[in-house]
Amino acid sequence: MTTRRMAALRLDIPLEMAQRHDLPSRLTEAELAEIENNPPDWLVQSRANRTGKKPVWVELRCDVCGFSEAARPKKWWPAFTYLTCDDHGADELPEPAAGLSRTEVDGVGTRFIGIVDETP
């Protein structure tokens, strides 16, 4: 069985769209394969309307331990130099290059901190 969230990931649609179009909370692999092979009109239209500017889902991966999760990207996220789980310290990452300052961004995904090294 596949959850609605995992189905949204595989179909590359927002979870809200999966709910709006009544995808069940659990699907069998056969049901999901049927949707992928014969997409309903709303899914065909959604894919046709995609501009490709912003991905629907991104994979967040901790640069220290490798933990990962899929998340919907936010407009306010800068380009991260590193991503770490919230249980790692900044001392576990390489120091910023000479002349760069480091900023931490909380609230990335469910448990990540984004690290941005940039010129001051």
PDB file of N, CA and C in Angstrom:
ATOM      1  N   MET A   1       0.839  -1.193   0.000  1.00  0.00           N
ATOM      2  CA  MET A   1       0.000   0.000   0.000  1.00  0.00           C
ATOM      3  C   MET A   1       0.878   1.248   0.000  1.00  0.00           C
ATOM      4  N   THR A   2       0.427   2.236  -0.714  1.00  0.00           N
ATOM      5  CA  THR A   2       1.114   3.512  -0.829  1.00  0.00           C
ATOM      6  C   THR A   2       0.245   4.595  -0.209  1.00  0.00           C
ATOM      7  N   THR A   3       0.861   5.489   0.543  1.00  0.00           N
ATOM      8  CA  THR A   3       0.099   6.586   1.141  1.00  0.00           C
ATOM      9  C   THR A   3      -0.180   7.659   0.090  1.00  0.00           C
ATOM     10  N   ARG A   4      -1.125   8.520   0.395  1.00  0.00           N
ATOM     11  CA  ARG A   4      -1.465   9.622  -0.504  1.00  0.00           C
ATOM     12  C   ARG A   4      -0.249  10.518  -0.721  1.00  0.00           C
ATOM     13  N   ARG A   5       0.534  10.742   0.328  1.00  0.00           N
ATOM     14  CA  ARG A   5       1.726  11.588   0.206  1.00  0.00           C
ATOM     15  C   ARG A   5       2.735  10.959  -0.741  1.00  0.00           C
ATOM     16  N   MET A   6       2.977   9.665  -0.610  1.00  0.00           N
ATOM     17  CA  MET A   6       3.915   8.978  -1.501  1.00  0.00           C
ATOM     18  C   MET A   6       3.379   8.971  -2.937  1.00  0.00           C
ATOM     19  N   ALA A   7       2.076   8.847  -3.090  1.00  0.00           N
ATOM     20  CA  ALA A   7       1.479   8.907  -4.433  1.00  0.00           C
ATOM     21  C   ALA A   7       1.699  10.296  -5.040  1.00  0.00           C
ATOM     22  N   ALA A   8       1.524  11.345  -4.238  1.00  0.00           N
ATOM     23  CA  ALA A   8       1.752  12.705  -4.728  1.00  0.00           C
ATOM     24  C   ALA A   8       3.204  12.886  -5.149  1.00  0.00           C
ATOM     25  N   LEU A   9       4.124  12.322  -4.377  1.00  0.00           N
ATOM     26  CA  LEU A   9       5.539  12.381  -4.749  1.00  0.00           C
ATOM     27  C   LEU A   9       5.778  11.709  -6.093  1.00  0.00           C
ATOM     28  N   ARG A  10       5.256  10.514  -6.253  1.00  0.00           N
ATOM     29  CA  ARG A  10       5.472   9.770  -7.506  1.00  0.00           C
ATOM     30  C   ARG A  10       4.803  10.430  -8.697  1.00  0.00           C
ATOM     31  N   LEU A  11       3.633  11.044  -8.469  1.00  0.00           N
ATOM     32  CA  LEU A  11       2.924  11.714  -9.554  1.00  0.00           C
ATOM     33  C   LEU A  11       3.447  13.135  -9.774  1.00  0.00           C
ATOM     34  N   ASP A  12       4.313  13.600  -8.872  1.00  0.00           N
ATOM     35  CA  ASP A  12       4.904  14.934  -8.933  1.00  0.00           C
ATOM     36  C   ASP A  12       3.841  16.017  -8.903  1.00  0.00           C
ATOM     37  N   ILE A  13       2.946  15.887  -7.920  1.00  0.00           N
ATOM     38  CA  ILE A  13       1.887  16.876  -7.710  1.00  0.00           C
ATOM     39  C   ILE A  13       1.881  17.262  -6.232  1.00  0.00           C
ATOM     40  N   PRO A  14       1.358  18.443  -5.905  1.00  0.00           N
ATOM     41  CA  PRO A  14       1.233  18.811  -4.497  1.00  0.00           C
ATOM     42  C   PRO A  14       0.252  17.892  -3.771  1.00  0.00           C
ATOM     43  N   LEU A  15       0.488  17.700  -2.493  1.00  0.00           N
ATOM     44  CA  LEU A  15      -0.405  16.880  -1.680  1.00  0.00           C
ATOM     45  C   LEU A  15      -1.823  17.451  -1.686  1.00  0.00           C
ATOM     46  N   GLU A  16      -1.926  18.767  -1.710  1.00  0.00           N
ATOM     47  CA  GLU A  16      -3.243  19.407  -1.731  1.00  0.00           C
ATOM     48  C   GLU A  16      -4.027  19.020  -2.984  1.00  0.00           C
ATOM     49  N   MET A  17      -3.331  18.885  -4.104  1.00  0.00           N
ATOM     50  CA  MET A  17      -3.999  18.494  -5.343  1.00  0.00           C
ATOM     51  C   MET A  17      -4.479  17.049  -5.255  1.00  0.00           C
ATOM     52  N   ALA A  18      -3.677  16.192  -4.648  1.00  0.00           N
ATOM     53  CA  ALA A  18      -4.080  14.790  -4.481  1.00  0.00           C
ATOM     54  C   ALA A  18      -5.346  14.704  -3.629  1.00  0.00           C
ATOM     55  N   GLN A  19      -5.418  15.514  -2.585  1.00  0.00           N
ATOM     56  CA  GLN A  19      -6.613  15.526  -1.734  1.00  0.00           C
ATOM     57  C   GLN A  19      -7.809  16.103  -2.480  1.00  0.00           C
ATOM     58  N   ARG A  20      -7.584  17.204  -3.202  1.00  0.00           N
ATOM     59  CA  ARG A  20      -8.669  17.874  -3.927  1.00  0.00           C
ATOM     60  C   ARG A  20      -9.305  16.947  -4.962  1.00  0.00           C
ATOM     61  N   HIS A  21      -8.506  16.070  -5.560  1.00  0.00           N
ATOM     62  CA  HIS A  21      -9.029  15.183  -6.595  1.00  0.00           C
ATOM     63  C   HIS A  21      -9.326  13.783  -6.057  1.00  0.00           C
ATOM     64  N   ASP A  22      -9.516  13.721  -4.748  1.00  0.00           N
ATOM     65  CA  ASP A  22     -10.022  12.526  -4.061  1.00  0.00           C
ATOM     66  C   ASP A  22      -9.162  11.285  -4.236  1.00  0.00           C
ATOM     67  N   LEU A  23      -7.848  11.446  -4.279  1.00  0.00           N
ATOM     68  CA  LEU A  23      -7.006  10.254  -4.197  1.00  0.00           C
ATOM     69  C   LEU A  23      -7.195   9.682  -2.803  1.00  0.00           C
ATOM     70  N   PRO A  24      -7.417   8.391  -2.682  1.00  0.00           N
ATOM     71  CA  PRO A  24      -7.639   7.815  -1.358  1.00  0.00           C
ATOM     72  C   PRO A  24      -6.396   7.936  -0.486  1.00  0.00           C
ATOM     73  N   SER A  25      -6.582   7.819   0.824  1.00  0.00           N
ATOM     74  CA  SER A  25      -5.447   7.952   1.735  1.00  0.00           C
ATOM     75  C   SER A  25      -4.441   6.815   1.555  1.00  0.00           C
ATOM     76  N   ARG A  26      -4.889   5.686   1.041  1.00  0.00           N
ATOM     77  CA  ARG A  26      -3.993   4.560   0.722  1.00  0.00           C
ATOM     78  C   ARG A  26      -4.378   3.995  -0.636  1.00  0.00           C
ATOM     79  N   LEU A  27      -3.358   3.726  -1.467  1.00  0.00           N
ATOM     80  CA  LEU A  27      -3.575   3.150  -2.785  1.00  0.00           C
ATOM     81  C   LEU A  27      -2.711   1.903  -2.918  1.00  0.00           C
ATOM     82  N   THR A  28      -3.194   0.973  -3.693  1.00  0.00           N
ATOM     83  CA  THR A  28      -2.360  -0.181  -4.007  1.00  0.00           C
ATOM     84  C   THR A  28      -1.394   0.226  -5.120  1.00  0.00           C
ATOM     85  N   GLU A  29      -0.365  -0.566  -5.310  1.00  0.00           N
ATOM     86  CA  GLU A  29       0.582  -0.299  -6.398  1.00  0.00           C
ATOM     87  C   GLU A  29      -0.126  -0.350  -7.750  1.00  0.00           C
ATOM     88  N   ALA A  30      -1.089  -1.256  -7.877  1.00  0.00           N
ATOM     89  CA  ALA A  30      -1.827  -1.379  -9.136  1.00  0.00           C
ATOM     90  C   ALA A  30      -2.645  -0.114  -9.404  1.00  0.00           C
ATOM     91  N   GLU A  31      -3.298   0.434  -8.385  1.00  0.00           N
ATOM     92  CA  GLU A  31      -4.081   1.662  -8.557  1.00  0.00           C
ATOM     93  C   GLU A  31      -3.189   2.834  -8.947  1.00  0.00           C
ATOM     94  N   LEU A  32      -2.032   2.943  -8.299  1.00  0.00           N
ATOM     95  CA  LEU A  32      -1.110   4.021  -8.614  1.00  0.00           C
ATOM     96  C   LEU A  32      -0.528   3.857 -10.019  1.00  0.00           C
ATOM     97  N   ALA A  33      -0.206   2.638 -10.396  1.00  0.00           N
ATOM     98  CA  ALA A  33       0.299   2.373 -11.753  1.00  0.00           C
ATOM     99  C   ALA A  33      -0.751   2.742 -12.798  1.00  0.00           C
ATOM    100  N   GLU A  34      -2.001   2.472 -12.497  1.00  0.00           N
ATOM    101  CA  GLU A  34      -3.091   2.824 -13.424  1.00  0.00           C
ATOM    102  C   GLU A  34      -3.179   4.341 -13.603  1.00  0.00           C
ATOM    103  N   ILE A  35      -3.045   5.089 -12.514  1.00  0.00           N
ATOM    104  CA  ILE A  35      -3.081   6.553 -12.601  1.00  0.00           C
ATOM    105  C   ILE A  35      -1.879   7.062 -13.395  1.00  0.00           C
ATOM    106  N   GLU A  36      -0.705   6.456 -13.165  1.00  0.00           N
ATOM    107  CA  GLU A  36       0.500   6.880 -13.898  1.00  0.00           C
ATOM    108  C   GLU A  36       0.390   6.553 -15.391  1.00  0.00           C
ATOM    109  N   ASN A  37      -0.147   5.387 -15.713  1.00  0.00           N
ATOM    110  CA  ASN A  37      -0.235   4.953 -17.114  1.00  0.00           C
ATOM    111  C   ASN A  37      -1.386   5.597 -17.874  1.00  0.00           C
ATOM    112  N   ASN A  38      -2.487   5.856 -17.186  1.00  0.00           N
ATOM    113  CA  ASN A  38      -3.665   6.486 -17.793  1.00  0.00           C
ATOM    114  C   ASN A  38      -4.085   7.671 -16.923  1.00  0.00           C
ATOM    115  N   PRO A  39      -3.335   8.767 -16.976  1.00  0.00           N
ATOM    116  CA  PRO A  39      -3.639   9.886 -16.072  1.00  0.00           C
ATOM    117  C   PRO A  39      -5.003  10.500 -16.354  1.00  0.00           C
ATOM    118  N   PRO A  40      -5.714  10.845 -15.280  1.00  0.00           N
ATOM    119  CA  PRO A  40      -6.998  11.531 -15.461  1.00  0.00           C
ATOM    120  C   PRO A  40      -6.771  12.917 -16.067  1.00  0.00           C
ATOM    121  N   ASP A  41      -7.832  13.516 -16.572  1.00  0.00           N
ATOM    122  CA  ASP A  41      -7.735  14.812 -17.251  1.00  0.00           C
ATOM    123  C   ASP A  41      -7.088  15.884 -16.374  1.00  0.00           C
ATOM    124  N   TRP A  42      -7.426  15.925 -15.088  1.00  0.00           N
ATOM    125  CA  TRP A  42      -6.869  16.940 -14.209  1.00  0.00           C
ATOM    126  C   TRP A  42      -5.350  16.800 -14.081  1.00  0.00           C
ATOM    127  N   LEU A  43      -4.838  15.564 -14.115  1.00  0.00           N
ATOM    128  CA  LEU A  43      -3.397  15.342 -14.011  1.00  0.00           C
ATOM    129  C   LEU A  43      -2.692  15.715 -15.315  1.00  0.00           C
ATOM    130  N   VAL A  44      -3.313  15.402 -16.426  1.00  0.00           N
ATOM    131  CA  VAL A  44      -2.757  15.788 -17.729  1.00  0.00           C
ATOM    132  C   VAL A  44      -2.669  17.314 -17.816  1.00  0.00           C
ATOM    133  N   GLN A  45      -3.745  18.000 -17.410  1.00  0.00           N
ATOM    134  CA  GLN A  45      -3.758  19.460 -17.448  1.00  0.00           C
ATOM    135  C   GLN A  45      -2.716  20.042 -16.499  1.00  0.00           C
ATOM    136  N   SER A  46      -2.597  19.473 -15.316  1.00  0.00           N
ATOM    137  CA  SER A  46      -1.614  19.958 -14.352  1.00  0.00           C
ATOM    138  C   SER A  46      -0.206  19.864 -14.914  1.00  0.00           C
ATOM    139  N   ARG A  47       0.110  18.741 -15.531  1.00  0.00           N
ATOM    140  CA  ARG A  47       1.443  18.560 -16.106  1.00  0.00           C
ATOM    141  C   ARG A  47       1.676  19.507 -17.278  1.00  0.00           C
ATOM    142  N   ALA A  48       0.635  19.770 -18.067  1.00  0.00           N
ATOM    143  CA  ALA A  48       0.761  20.681 -19.204  1.00  0.00           C
ATOM    144  C   ALA A  48       0.968  22.122 -18.733  1.00  0.00           C
ATOM    145  N   ASN A  49       0.411  22.469 -17.578  1.00  0.00           N
ATOM    146  CA  ASN A  49       0.512  23.829 -17.058  1.00  0.00           C
ATOM    147  C   ASN A  49       1.818  24.108 -16.322  1.00  0.00           C
ATOM    148  N   ARG A  50       2.602  23.089 -16.064  1.00  0.00           N
ATOM    149  CA  ARG A  50       3.851  23.277 -15.323  1.00  0.00           C
ATOM    150  C   ARG A  50       4.824  24.100 -16.149  1.00  0.00           C
ATOM    151  N   THR A  51       5.369  25.108 -15.532  1.00  0.00           N
ATOM    152  CA  THR A  51       6.326  25.961 -16.233  1.00  0.00           C
ATOM    153  C   THR A  51       7.754  25.480 -16.033  1.00  0.00           C
ATOM    154  N   GLY A  52       7.962  24.632 -15.050  1.00  0.00           N
ATOM    155  CA  GLY A  52       9.300  24.128 -14.789  1.00  0.00           C
ATOM    156  C   GLY A  52      10.170  25.088 -13.999  1.00  0.00           C
ATOM    157  N   LYS A  53       9.634  26.238 -13.600  1.00  0.00           N
ATOM    158  CA  LYS A  53      10.422  27.202 -12.845  1.00  0.00           C
ATOM    159  C   LYS A  53      10.720  26.719 -11.435  1.00  0.00           C
ATOM    160  N   LYS A  54       9.745  26.130 -10.795  1.00  0.00           N
ATOM    161  CA  LYS A  54       9.916  25.710  -9.416  1.00  0.00           C
ATOM    162  C   LYS A  54       9.493  24.252  -9.305  1.00  0.00           C
ATOM    163  N   PRO A  55      10.349  23.399  -8.759  1.00  0.00           N
ATOM    164  CA  PRO A  55       9.959  21.993  -8.626  1.00  0.00           C
ATOM    165  C   PRO A  55       8.823  21.826  -7.620  1.00  0.00           C
ATOM    166  N   VAL A  56       8.019  20.804  -7.817  1.00  0.00           N
ATOM    167  CA  VAL A  56       6.925  20.527  -6.891  1.00  0.00           C
ATOM    168  C   VAL A  56       7.482  19.937  -5.595  1.00  0.00           C
ATOM    169  N   TRP A  57       8.453  19.041  -5.712  1.00  0.00           N
ATOM    170  CA  TRP A  57       9.077  18.380  -4.568  1.00  0.00           C
ATOM    171  C   TRP A  57      10.587  18.476  -4.706  1.00  0.00           C
ATOM    172  N   VAL A  58      11.276  18.604  -3.579  1.00  0.00           N
ATOM    173  CA  VAL A  58      12.733  18.530  -3.556  1.00  0.00           C
ATOM    174  C   VAL A  58      13.133  17.530  -2.484  1.00  0.00           C
ATOM    175  N   GLU A  59      14.296  16.923  -2.663  1.00  0.00           N
ATOM    176  CA  GLU A  59      14.822  16.021  -1.641  1.00  0.00           C
ATOM    177  C   GLU A  59      15.801  16.799  -0.786  1.00  0.00           C
ATOM    178  N   LEU A  60      15.533  16.847   0.515  1.00  0.00           N
ATOM    179  CA  LEU A  60      16.442  17.460   1.467  1.00  0.00           C
ATOM    180  C   LEU A  60      17.303  16.347   2.046  1.00  0.00           C
ATOM    181  N   ARG A  61      18.617  16.544   2.061  1.00  0.00           N
ATOM    182  CA  ARG A  61      19.529  15.510   2.569  1.00  0.00           C
ATOM    183  C   ARG A  61      20.540  16.166   3.494  1.00  0.00           C
ATOM    184  N   CYS A  62      20.671  15.605   4.699  1.00  0.00           N
ATOM    185  CA  CYS A  62      21.625  16.110   5.681  1.00  0.00           C
ATOM    186  C   CYS A  62      23.040  15.834   5.184  1.00  0.00           C
ATOM    187  N   ASP A  63      23.864  16.881   5.157  1.00  0.00           N
ATOM    188  CA  ASP A  63      25.246  16.735   4.710  1.00  0.00           C
ATOM    189  C   ASP A  63      26.135  16.066   5.756  1.00  0.00           C
ATOM    190  N   VAL A  64      25.618  15.848   6.964  1.00  0.00           N
ATOM    191  CA  VAL A  64      26.407  15.187   8.003  1.00  0.00           C
ATOM    192  C   VAL A  64      26.080  13.703   8.064  1.00  0.00           C
ATOM    193  N   CYS A  65      24.798  13.357   8.210  1.00  0.00           N
ATOM    194  CA  CYS A  65      24.429  11.951   8.424  1.00  0.00           C
ATOM    195  C   CYS A  65      23.719  11.306   7.241  1.00  0.00           C
ATOM    196  N   GLY A  66      23.276  12.091   6.261  1.00  0.00           N
ATOM    197  CA  GLY A  66      22.619  11.523   5.087  1.00  0.00           C
ATOM    198  C   GLY A  66      21.123  11.340   5.215  1.00  0.00           C
ATOM    199  N   PHE A  67      20.521  11.680   6.364  1.00  0.00           N
ATOM    200  CA  PHE A  67      19.064  11.587   6.510  1.00  0.00           C
ATOM    201  C   PHE A  67      18.414  12.419   5.423  1.00  0.00           C
ATOM    202  N   SER A  68      17.338  11.916   4.833  1.00  0.00           N
ATOM    203  CA  SER A  68      16.678  12.678   3.775  1.00  0.00           C
ATOM    204  C   SER A  68      15.168  12.635   3.935  1.00  0.00           C
ATOM    205  N   GLU A  69      14.532  13.623   3.346  1.00  0.00           N
ATOM    206  CA  GLU A  69      13.076  13.677   3.284  1.00  0.00           C
ATOM    207  C   GLU A  69      12.688  14.502   2.070  1.00  0.00           C
ATOM    208  N   ALA A  70      11.522  14.259   1.565  1.00  0.00           N
ATOM    209  CA  ALA A  70      10.985  15.053   0.460  1.00  0.00           C
ATOM    210  C   ALA A  70      10.152  16.179   1.053  1.00  0.00           C
ATOM    211  N   ALA A  71      10.267  17.356   0.451  1.00  0.00           N
ATOM    212  CA  ALA A  71       9.532  18.513   0.952  1.00  0.00           C
ATOM    213  C   ALA A  71       9.130  19.397  -0.214  1.00  0.00           C
ATOM    214  N   ARG A  72       8.130  20.208   0.025  1.00  0.00           N
ATOM    215  CA  ARG A  72       7.734  21.223  -0.955  1.00  0.00           C
ATOM    216  C   ARG A  72       8.651  22.418  -0.764  1.00  0.00           C
ATOM    217  N   PRO A  73       9.341  22.876  -1.802  1.00  0.00           N
ATOM    218  CA  PRO A  73      10.242  24.023  -1.635  1.00  0.00           C
ATOM    219  C   PRO A  73       9.466  25.302  -1.357  1.00  0.00           C
ATOM    220  N   LYS A  74      10.057  26.159  -0.586  1.00  0.00           N
ATOM    221  CA  LYS A  74       9.436  27.444  -0.242  1.00  0.00           C
ATOM    222  C   LYS A  74      10.130  28.562  -0.992  1.00  0.00           C
ATOM    223  N   LYS A  75       9.386  29.600  -1.320  1.00  0.00           N
ATOM    224  CA  LYS A  75       9.947  30.728  -2.061  1.00  0.00           C
ATOM    225  C   LYS A  75      11.050  31.425  -1.281  1.00  0.00           C
ATOM    226  N   TRP A  76      10.968  31.397   0.032  1.00  0.00           N
ATOM    227  CA  TRP A  76      11.923  32.131   0.856  1.00  0.00           C
ATOM    228  C   TRP A  76      13.230  31.382   1.084  1.00  0.00           C
ATOM    229  N   TRP A  77      13.333  30.125   0.620  1.00  0.00           N
ATOM    230  CA  TRP A  77      14.577  29.382   0.810  1.00  0.00           C
ATOM    231  C   TRP A  77      15.673  29.964  -0.069  1.00  0.00           C
ATOM    232  N   PRO A  78      16.799  30.347   0.512  1.00  0.00           N
ATOM    233  CA  PRO A  78      17.927  30.766  -0.313  1.00  0.00           C
ATOM    234  C   PRO A  78      18.647  29.530  -0.863  1.00  0.00           C
ATOM    235  N   ALA A  79      19.676  29.743  -1.637  1.00  0.00           N
ATOM    236  CA  ALA A  79      20.498  28.621  -2.114  1.00  0.00           C
ATOM    237  C   ALA A  79      21.389  28.199  -0.952  1.00  0.00           C
ATOM    238  N   PHE A  80      21.170  26.989  -0.440  1.00  0.00           N
ATOM    239  CA  PHE A  80      21.911  26.518   0.725  1.00  0.00           C
ATOM    240  C   PHE A  80      23.276  25.980   0.330  1.00  0.00           C
ATOM    241  N   THR A  81      24.263  26.298   1.143  1.00  0.00           N
ATOM    242  CA  THR A  81      25.596  25.723   0.976  1.00  0.00           C
ATOM    243  C   THR A  81      25.590  24.318   1.560  1.00  0.00           C
ATOM    244  N   TYR A  82      24.974  24.169   2.738  1.00  0.00           N
ATOM    245  CA  TYR A  82      24.841  22.877   3.413  1.00  0.00           C
ATOM    246  C   TYR A  82      23.450  22.777   4.007  1.00  0.00           C
ATOM    247  N   LEU A  83      22.997  21.538   4.214  1.00  0.00           N
ATOM    248  CA  LEU A  83      21.784  21.248   4.977  1.00  0.00           C
ATOM    249  C   LEU A  83      22.165  20.268   6.065  1.00  0.00           C
ATOM    250  N   THR A  84      21.686  20.520   7.287  1.00  0.00           N
ATOM    251  CA  THR A  84      21.942  19.582   8.378  1.00  0.00           C
ATOM    252  C   THR A  84      20.661  19.338   9.144  1.00  0.00           C
ATOM    253  N   CYS A  85      20.587  18.167   9.770  1.00  0.00           N
ATOM    254  CA  CYS A  85      19.487  17.881  10.684  1.00  0.00           C
ATOM    255  C   CYS A  85      19.608  18.833  11.866  1.00  0.00           C
ATOM    256  N   ASP A  86      18.496  19.090  12.537  1.00  0.00           N
ATOM    257  CA  ASP A  86      18.555  20.009  13.667  1.00  0.00           C
ATOM    258  C   ASP A  86      19.277  19.428  14.879  1.00  0.00           C
ATOM    259  N   ASP A  87      19.677  18.152  14.843  1.00  0.00           N
ATOM    260  CA  ASP A  87      20.419  17.595  15.973  1.00  0.00           C
ATOM    261  C   ASP A  87      21.931  17.599  15.746  1.00  0.00           C
ATOM    262  N   HIS A  88      22.411  18.241  14.671  1.00  0.00           N
ATOM    263  CA  HIS A  88      23.847  18.393  14.428  1.00  0.00           C
ATOM    264  C   HIS A  88      24.251  19.833  14.708  1.00  0.00           C
ATOM    265  N   GLY A  89      25.478  19.998  15.143  1.00  0.00           N
ATOM    266  CA  GLY A  89      25.995  21.337  15.389  1.00  0.00           C
ATOM    267  C   GLY A  89      26.752  21.861  14.184  1.00  0.00           C
ATOM    268  N   ALA A  90      26.916  23.171  14.145  1.00  0.00           N
ATOM    269  CA  ALA A  90      27.655  23.796  13.043  1.00  0.00           C
ATOM    270  C   ALA A  90      29.109  23.353  13.033  1.00  0.00           C
ATOM    271  N   ASP A  91      29.616  22.899  14.174  1.00  0.00           N
ATOM    272  CA  ASP A  91      31.008  22.451  14.247  1.00  0.00           C
ATOM    273  C   ASP A  91      31.241  21.144  13.491  1.00  0.00           C
ATOM    274  N   GLU A  92      30.181  20.494  13.066  1.00  0.00           N
ATOM    275  CA  GLU A  92      30.314  19.256  12.300  1.00  0.00           C
ATOM    276  C   GLU A  92      30.446  19.512  10.798  1.00  0.00           C
ATOM    277  N   LEU A  93      30.394  20.770  10.396  1.00  0.00           N
ATOM    278  CA  LEU A  93      30.531  21.152   8.984  1.00  0.00           C
ATOM    279  C   LEU A  93      31.882  21.817   8.753  1.00  0.00           C
ATOM    280  N   PRO A  94      32.345  21.816   7.507  1.00  0.00           N
ATOM    281  CA  PRO A  94      33.580  22.554   7.212  1.00  0.00           C
ATOM    282  C   PRO A  94      33.389  24.042   7.494  1.00  0.00           C
ATOM    283  N   GLU A  95      34.475  24.701   7.844  1.00  0.00           N
ATOM    284  CA  GLU A  95      34.430  26.145   8.080  1.00  0.00           C
ATOM    285  C   GLU A  95      34.129  26.865   6.764  1.00  0.00           C
ATOM    286  N   PRO A  96      33.492  28.034   6.840  1.00  0.00           N
ATOM    287  CA  PRO A  96      33.266  28.786   5.595  1.00  0.00           C
ATOM    288  C   PRO A  96      34.611  29.215   4.991  1.00  0.00           C
ATOM    289  N   ALA A  97      34.634  29.341   3.692  1.00  0.00           N
ATOM    290  CA  ALA A  97      35.850  29.775   3.004  1.00  0.00           C
ATOM    291  C   ALA A  97      36.214  31.189   3.460  1.00  0.00           C
ATOM    292  N   ALA A  98      37.467  31.532   3.306  1.00  0.00           N
ATOM    293  CA  ALA A  98      37.947  32.856   3.711  1.00  0.00           C
ATOM    294  C   ALA A  98      37.125  33.939   3.007  1.00  0.00           C
ATOM    295  N   GLY A  99      36.713  34.935   3.784  1.00  0.00           N
ATOM    296  CA  GLY A  99      35.961  36.050   3.227  1.00  0.00           C
ATOM    297  C   GLY A  99      34.463  35.838   3.181  1.00  0.00           C
ATOM    298  N   LEU A 100      33.985  34.647   3.554  1.00  0.00           N
ATOM    299  CA  LEU A 100      32.549  34.384   3.545  1.00  0.00           C
ATOM    300  C   LEU A 100      32.013  34.389   4.964  1.00  0.00           C
ATOM    301  N   SER A 101      30.770  34.811   5.117  1.00  0.00           N
ATOM    302  CA  SER A 101      30.102  34.734   6.413  1.00  0.00           C
ATOM    303  C   SER A 101      29.033  33.662   6.342  1.00  0.00           C
ATOM    304  N   ARG A 102      28.708  33.095   7.474  1.00  0.00           N
ATOM    305  CA  ARG A 102      27.766  31.977   7.541  1.00  0.00           C
ATOM    306  C   ARG A 102      26.477  32.418   8.221  1.00  0.00           C
ATOM    307  N   THR A 103      25.349  32.016   7.620  1.00  0.00           N
ATOM    308  CA  THR A 103      24.024  32.288   8.168  1.00  0.00           C
ATOM    309  C   THR A 103      23.276  30.963   8.273  1.00  0.00           C
ATOM    310  N   GLU A 104      22.535  30.783   9.369  1.00  0.00           N
ATOM    311  CA  GLU A 104      21.708  29.590   9.541  1.00  0.00           C
ATOM    312  C   GLU A 104      20.249  29.954   9.296  1.00  0.00           C
ATOM    313  N   VAL A 105      19.539  29.072   8.588  1.00  0.00           N
ATOM    314  CA  VAL A 105      18.127  29.275   8.285  1.00  0.00           C
ATOM    315  C   VAL A 105      17.351  28.116   8.902  1.00  0.00           C
ATOM    316  N   ASP A 106      16.550  28.419   9.914  1.00  0.00           N
ATOM    317  CA  ASP A 106      15.734  27.397  10.568  1.00  0.00           C
ATOM    318  C   ASP A 106      14.440  27.170   9.809  1.00  0.00           C
ATOM    319  N   GLY A 107      13.796  26.034  10.076  1.00  0.00           N
ATOM    320  CA  GLY A 107      12.475  25.768   9.519  1.00  0.00           C
ATOM    321  C   GLY A 107      12.484  25.245   8.103  1.00  0.00           C
ATOM    322  N   VAL A 108      13.544  24.541   7.725  1.00  0.00           N
ATOM    323  CA  VAL A 108      13.618  23.954   6.391  1.00  0.00           C
ATOM    324  C   VAL A 108      13.124  22.514   6.511  1.00  0.00           C
ATOM    325  N   GLY A 109      12.056  22.180   5.813  1.00  0.00           N
ATOM    326  CA  GLY A 109      11.472  20.847   5.973  1.00  0.00           C
ATOM    327  C   GLY A 109      10.978  20.654   7.390  1.00  0.00           C
ATOM    328  N   THR A 110      10.987  19.417   7.859  1.00  0.00           N
ATOM    329  CA  THR A 110      10.493  19.158   9.206  1.00  0.00           C
ATOM    330  C   THR A 110      11.578  19.234  10.265  1.00  0.00           C
ATOM    331  N   ARG A 111      12.860  19.069   9.858  1.00  0.00           N
ATOM    332  CA  ARG A 111      13.910  19.040  10.872  1.00  0.00           C
ATOM    333  C   ARG A 111      15.274  19.476  10.370  1.00  0.00           C
ATOM    334  N   PHE A 112      15.300  20.345   9.387  1.00  0.00           N
ATOM    335  CA  PHE A 112      16.574  20.760   8.816  1.00  0.00           C
ATOM    336  C   PHE A 112      16.905  22.217   9.118  1.00  0.00           C
ATOM    337  N   ILE A 113      18.195  22.491   9.102  1.00  0.00           N
ATOM    338  CA  ILE A 113      18.714  23.854   9.190  1.00  0.00           C
ATOM    339  C   ILE A 113      19.537  24.069   7.929  1.00  0.00           C
ATOM    340  N   GLY A 114      19.229  25.128   7.219  1.00  0.00           N
ATOM    341  CA  GLY A 114      19.990  25.465   6.022  1.00  0.00           C
ATOM    342  C   GLY A 114      21.153  26.349   6.381  1.00  0.00           C
ATOM    343  N   ILE A 115      22.300  26.081   5.806  1.00  0.00           N
ATOM    344  CA  ILE A 115      23.504  26.878   6.039  1.00  0.00           C
ATOM    345  C   ILE A 115      23.833  27.608   4.741  1.00  0.00           C
ATOM    346  N   VAL A 116      24.003  28.917   4.842  1.00  0.00           N
ATOM    347  CA  VAL A 116      24.308  29.729   3.667  1.00  0.00           C
ATOM    348  C   VAL A 116      25.630  30.435   3.925  1.00  0.00           C
ATOM    349  N   ASP A 117      26.622  30.167   3.099  1.00  0.00           N
ATOM    350  CA  ASP A 117      27.900  30.870   3.141  1.00  0.00           C
ATOM    351  C   ASP A 117      27.890  31.873   2.002  1.00  0.00           C
ATOM    352  N   GLU A 118      28.039  33.170   2.344  1.00  0.00           N
ATOM    353  CA  GLU A 118      27.978  34.211   1.325  1.00  0.00           C
ATOM    354  C   GLU A 118      28.902  35.356   1.678  1.00  0.00           C
ATOM    355  N   THR A 119      29.194  36.172   0.691  1.00  0.00           N
ATOM    356  CA  THR A 119      30.037  37.335   0.935  1.00  0.00           C
ATOM    357  C   THR A 119      29.228  38.361   1.727  1.00  0.00           C
ATOM    358  N   PRO A 120      29.864  38.958   2.738  1.00  0.00           N
ATOM    359  CA  PRO A 120      29.121  39.930   3.566  1.00  0.00           C
ATOM    360  C   PRO A 120      28.794  41.209   2.825  1.00  0.00           C
TER     361      PRO A 120
END
